[in-house]
Amino acid sequence: MMKIMEISKGKVLVGHDLANDLSLLKISHNAFIDTVSLMPHNFGLPFKQKLKDLAYDYLKKYIQWGNHDPYEDALAAL
C-alpha cells in the first residue's frame, strides 16, 4: 500500500466507486474523481450505476463482456 500512496501523491485519481476502493485499502487521498458521484443512480444511494451501463450509455461502448479487465474499466472511467 505504501507504493500506491507514493505513486498517487500529488495526482488526481479517477475511477468508478473509487471512494469505496480507497476506503477498503485504508488509503486517504484528497483529489479524486469518482464516476459514482458524477453520475448517481436515479434511485439515489445506496444504489450505484454500474460502470458497464455508464460506458454504454455515455460512450456507446460495451465493456465487461466476458473476462473482467481492470485496464478496460480504467479507460472507461477516464
N, C-alpha and C. Protein backbone atom coordinates (compact mmCIF):
# COMPACT_ATOMS: atom_id res chain seq x y z
N MET A 1 0.81 -1.19 0.00
CA MET A 1 0.00 0.00 0.00
C MET A 1 0.86 1.25 0.00
N MET A 2 2.01 1.17 0.59
CA MET A 2 2.90 2.33 0.62
C MET A 2 3.26 2.76 -0.79
N LYS A 3 3.43 1.78 -1.69
CA LYS A 3 3.76 2.07 -3.08
C LYS A 3 2.61 2.83 -3.76
N ILE A 4 1.38 2.42 -3.49
CA ILE A 4 0.21 3.09 -4.06
C ILE A 4 0.16 4.54 -3.58
N MET A 5 0.40 4.75 -2.32
CA MET A 5 0.37 6.10 -1.77
C MET A 5 1.48 6.96 -2.37
N GLU A 6 2.62 6.36 -2.57
CA GLU A 6 3.77 7.06 -3.15
C GLU A 6 3.49 7.47 -4.61
N ILE A 7 2.95 6.54 -5.38
CA ILE A 7 2.66 6.79 -6.79
C ILE A 7 1.55 7.84 -6.94
N SER A 8 0.54 7.80 -6.08
CA SER A 8 -0.61 8.68 -6.24
C SER A 8 -0.43 10.07 -5.61
N LYS A 9 0.63 10.26 -4.86
CA LYS A 9 0.85 11.54 -4.19
C LYS A 9 0.92 12.69 -5.20
N GLY A 10 0.11 13.72 -4.96
CA GLY A 10 0.10 14.89 -5.82
C GLY A 10 -0.65 14.71 -7.14
N LYS A 11 -1.34 13.59 -7.28
CA LYS A 11 -2.07 13.30 -8.52
C LYS A 11 -3.56 13.24 -8.25
N VAL A 12 -4.35 13.44 -9.29
CA VAL A 12 -5.79 13.27 -9.22
C VAL A 12 -6.11 11.85 -9.68
N LEU A 13 -6.77 11.09 -8.85
CA LEU A 13 -7.16 9.72 -9.19
C LEU A 13 -8.55 9.75 -9.84
N VAL A 14 -8.76 8.90 -10.82
CA VAL A 14 -10.05 8.80 -11.49
C VAL A 14 -10.44 7.33 -11.50
N GLY A 15 -11.71 7.06 -11.17
CA GLY A 15 -12.16 5.68 -11.19
C GLY A 15 -13.64 5.56 -10.92
N HIS A 16 -14.12 4.33 -10.90
CA HIS A 16 -15.52 4.04 -10.63
C HIS A 16 -15.62 3.43 -9.24
N ASP A 17 -16.40 4.05 -8.38
CA ASP A 17 -16.55 3.66 -6.98
C ASP A 17 -15.21 3.70 -6.27
N LEU A 18 -14.42 4.68 -6.63
CA LEU A 18 -13.07 4.85 -6.12
C LEU A 18 -13.06 5.12 -4.61
N ALA A 19 -14.06 5.84 -4.13
CA ALA A 19 -14.14 6.11 -2.69
C ALA A 19 -14.19 4.81 -1.91
N ASN A 20 -14.94 3.85 -2.42
CA ASN A 20 -15.02 2.53 -1.78
C ASN A 20 -13.68 1.81 -1.83
N ASP A 21 -13.02 1.84 -2.98
CA ASP A 21 -11.72 1.17 -3.13
C ASP A 21 -10.69 1.75 -2.17
N LEU A 22 -10.65 3.07 -2.10
CA LEU A 22 -9.68 3.73 -1.20
C LEU A 22 -9.99 3.39 0.26
N SER A 23 -11.25 3.35 0.60
CA SER A 23 -11.66 3.01 1.97
C SER A 23 -11.23 1.59 2.32
N LEU A 24 -11.47 0.65 1.41
CA LEU A 24 -11.08 -0.74 1.67
C LEU A 24 -9.57 -0.89 1.83
N LEU A 25 -8.82 -0.09 1.08
CA LEU A 25 -7.36 -0.14 1.17
C LEU A 25 -6.81 0.69 2.33
N LYS A 26 -7.74 1.40 3.01
CA LYS A 26 -7.36 2.28 4.13
C LYS A 26 -6.36 3.34 3.67
N ILE A 27 -6.67 3.92 2.50
CA ILE A 27 -5.85 4.98 1.93
C ILE A 27 -6.66 6.26 1.91
N SER A 28 -6.07 7.32 2.37
CA SER A 28 -6.70 8.62 2.32
C SER A 28 -6.09 9.40 1.16
N HIS A 29 -6.96 9.94 0.32
CA HIS A 29 -6.49 10.73 -0.82
C HIS A 29 -7.49 11.84 -1.04
N ASN A 30 -7.01 13.06 -1.15
CA ASN A 30 -7.90 14.22 -1.23
C ASN A 30 -8.38 14.56 -2.62
N ALA A 31 -7.66 14.15 -3.64
CA ALA A 31 -8.00 14.55 -5.00
C ALA A 31 -8.37 13.35 -5.85
N PHE A 32 -9.67 13.10 -5.95
CA PHE A 32 -10.10 12.02 -6.83
C PHE A 32 -11.45 12.34 -7.45
N ILE A 33 -11.65 11.79 -8.63
CA ILE A 33 -12.91 11.93 -9.35
C ILE A 33 -13.52 10.54 -9.45
N ASP A 34 -14.75 10.44 -8.94
CA ASP A 34 -15.42 9.15 -8.84
C ASP A 34 -16.68 9.18 -9.70
N THR A 35 -16.77 8.30 -10.69
CA THR A 35 -17.93 8.29 -11.58
C THR A 35 -19.23 7.99 -10.83
N VAL A 36 -19.15 7.32 -9.69
CA VAL A 36 -20.36 7.07 -8.90
C VAL A 36 -20.95 8.39 -8.39
N SER A 37 -20.08 9.32 -8.03
CA SER A 37 -20.55 10.64 -7.57
C SER A 37 -20.99 11.52 -8.73
N LEU A 38 -20.29 11.42 -9.85
CA LEU A 38 -20.62 12.26 -11.00
C LEU A 38 -21.93 11.87 -11.67
N MET A 39 -22.23 10.58 -11.66
CA MET A 39 -23.42 10.07 -12.34
C MET A 39 -24.21 9.17 -11.39
N PRO A 40 -24.91 9.79 -10.43
CA PRO A 40 -25.61 8.98 -9.43
C PRO A 40 -26.78 8.19 -10.02
N HIS A 41 -27.14 7.15 -9.32
CA HIS A 41 -28.27 6.31 -9.70
C HIS A 41 -29.57 7.10 -9.53
N ASN A 42 -30.54 6.85 -10.38
CA ASN A 42 -31.83 7.56 -10.30
C ASN A 42 -32.54 7.37 -8.96
N PHE A 43 -32.31 6.23 -8.30
CA PHE A 43 -32.95 5.96 -7.02
C PHE A 43 -32.14 6.49 -5.84
N GLY A 44 -30.97 7.06 -6.11
CA GLY A 44 -30.11 7.58 -5.04
C GLY A 44 -29.39 6.46 -4.32
N LEU A 45 -28.55 6.87 -3.36
CA LEU A 45 -27.80 5.88 -2.59
C LEU A 45 -28.76 5.08 -1.73
N PRO A 46 -28.46 3.83 -1.50
CA PRO A 46 -27.19 3.12 -1.70
C PRO A 46 -27.03 2.54 -3.10
N PHE A 47 -27.96 2.83 -4.00
CA PHE A 47 -27.84 2.31 -5.37
C PHE A 47 -26.76 3.07 -6.12
N LYS A 48 -26.04 2.34 -6.97
CA LYS A 48 -24.96 2.93 -7.76
C LYS A 48 -25.06 2.44 -9.19
N GLN A 49 -24.80 3.35 -10.13
CA GLN A 49 -24.77 2.96 -11.54
C GLN A 49 -23.61 1.99 -11.76
N LYS A 50 -23.82 1.01 -12.59
CA LYS A 50 -22.73 0.09 -12.96
C LYS A 50 -21.87 0.76 -14.03
N LEU A 51 -20.57 0.57 -13.92
CA LEU A 51 -19.65 1.13 -14.92
C LEU A 51 -20.00 0.59 -16.31
N LYS A 52 -20.38 -0.65 -16.36
CA LYS A 52 -20.77 -1.29 -17.62
C LYS A 52 -21.90 -0.50 -18.29
N ASP A 53 -22.89 -0.11 -17.50
CA ASP A 53 -24.03 0.64 -18.03
C ASP A 53 -23.63 2.07 -18.41
N LEU A 54 -22.83 2.71 -17.58
CA LEU A 54 -22.38 4.07 -17.88
C LEU A 54 -21.57 4.12 -19.16
N ALA A 55 -20.70 3.12 -19.35
CA ALA A 55 -19.88 3.07 -20.56
C ALA A 55 -20.74 2.97 -21.80
N TYR A 56 -21.80 2.18 -21.71
CA TYR A 56 -22.68 2.06 -22.88
C TYR A 56 -23.52 3.34 -23.06
N ASP A 57 -24.12 3.83 -21.98
CA ASP A 57 -25.00 5.00 -22.06
C ASP A 57 -24.28 6.25 -22.57
N TYR A 58 -23.07 6.48 -22.08
CA TYR A 58 -22.35 7.71 -22.41
C TYR A 58 -21.33 7.56 -23.54
N LEU A 59 -20.76 6.37 -23.67
CA LEU A 59 -19.69 6.18 -24.65
C LEU A 59 -20.10 5.26 -25.80
N LYS A 60 -21.27 4.63 -25.66
CA LYS A 60 -21.72 3.63 -26.64
C LYS A 60 -20.67 2.54 -26.82
N LYS A 61 -20.07 2.16 -25.69
CA LYS A 61 -19.01 1.16 -25.70
C LYS A 61 -19.40 0.00 -24.77
N TYR A 62 -19.28 -1.21 -25.28
CA TYR A 62 -19.54 -2.40 -24.47
C TYR A 62 -18.27 -2.77 -23.71
N ILE A 63 -18.37 -2.84 -22.39
CA ILE A 63 -17.25 -3.30 -21.57
C ILE A 63 -17.75 -4.39 -20.64
N GLN A 64 -16.84 -5.11 -20.06
CA GLN A 64 -17.12 -6.16 -19.07
C GLN A 64 -17.98 -7.28 -19.64
N TRP A 65 -17.81 -7.58 -20.89
CA TRP A 65 -18.48 -8.73 -21.50
C TRP A 65 -17.45 -9.84 -21.57
N GLY A 66 -17.65 -10.87 -20.80
CA GLY A 66 -16.66 -11.95 -20.73
C GLY A 66 -15.74 -11.71 -19.55
N ASN A 67 -14.45 -11.78 -19.80
CA ASN A 67 -13.47 -11.62 -18.72
C ASN A 67 -13.42 -10.17 -18.24
N HIS A 68 -13.24 -10.01 -16.92
CA HIS A 68 -13.11 -8.67 -16.34
C HIS A 68 -11.71 -8.14 -16.62
N ASP A 69 -11.64 -6.94 -17.13
CA ASP A 69 -10.37 -6.33 -17.48
C ASP A 69 -10.24 -4.98 -16.76
N PRO A 70 -9.43 -4.90 -15.70
CA PRO A 70 -9.28 -3.65 -14.96
C PRO A 70 -8.79 -2.49 -15.82
N TYR A 71 -7.97 -2.79 -16.82
CA TYR A 71 -7.48 -1.76 -17.73
C TYR A 71 -8.64 -1.15 -18.52
N GLU A 72 -9.52 -2.01 -19.01
CA GLU A 72 -10.71 -1.56 -19.74
C GLU A 72 -11.59 -0.69 -18.84
N ASP A 73 -11.75 -1.09 -17.58
CA ASP A 73 -12.53 -0.31 -16.62
C ASP A 73 -11.90 1.08 -16.40
N ALA A 74 -10.59 1.11 -16.27
CA ALA A 74 -9.90 2.38 -16.04
C ALA A 74 -10.08 3.32 -17.22
N LEU A 75 -9.97 2.79 -18.43
CA LEU A 75 -10.16 3.62 -19.63
C LEU A 75 -11.60 4.15 -19.71
N ALA A 76 -12.56 3.31 -19.38
CA ALA A 76 -13.96 3.73 -19.42
C ALA A 76 -14.22 4.83 -18.38
N ALA A 77 -13.66 4.70 -17.20
CA ALA A 77 -13.85 5.71 -16.16
C ALA A 77 -13.23 7.04 -16.57
N LEU A 78 -12.06 6.97 -17.21
CA LEU A 78 -11.43 8.21 -17.69
C LEU A 78 -12.28 8.87 -18.75
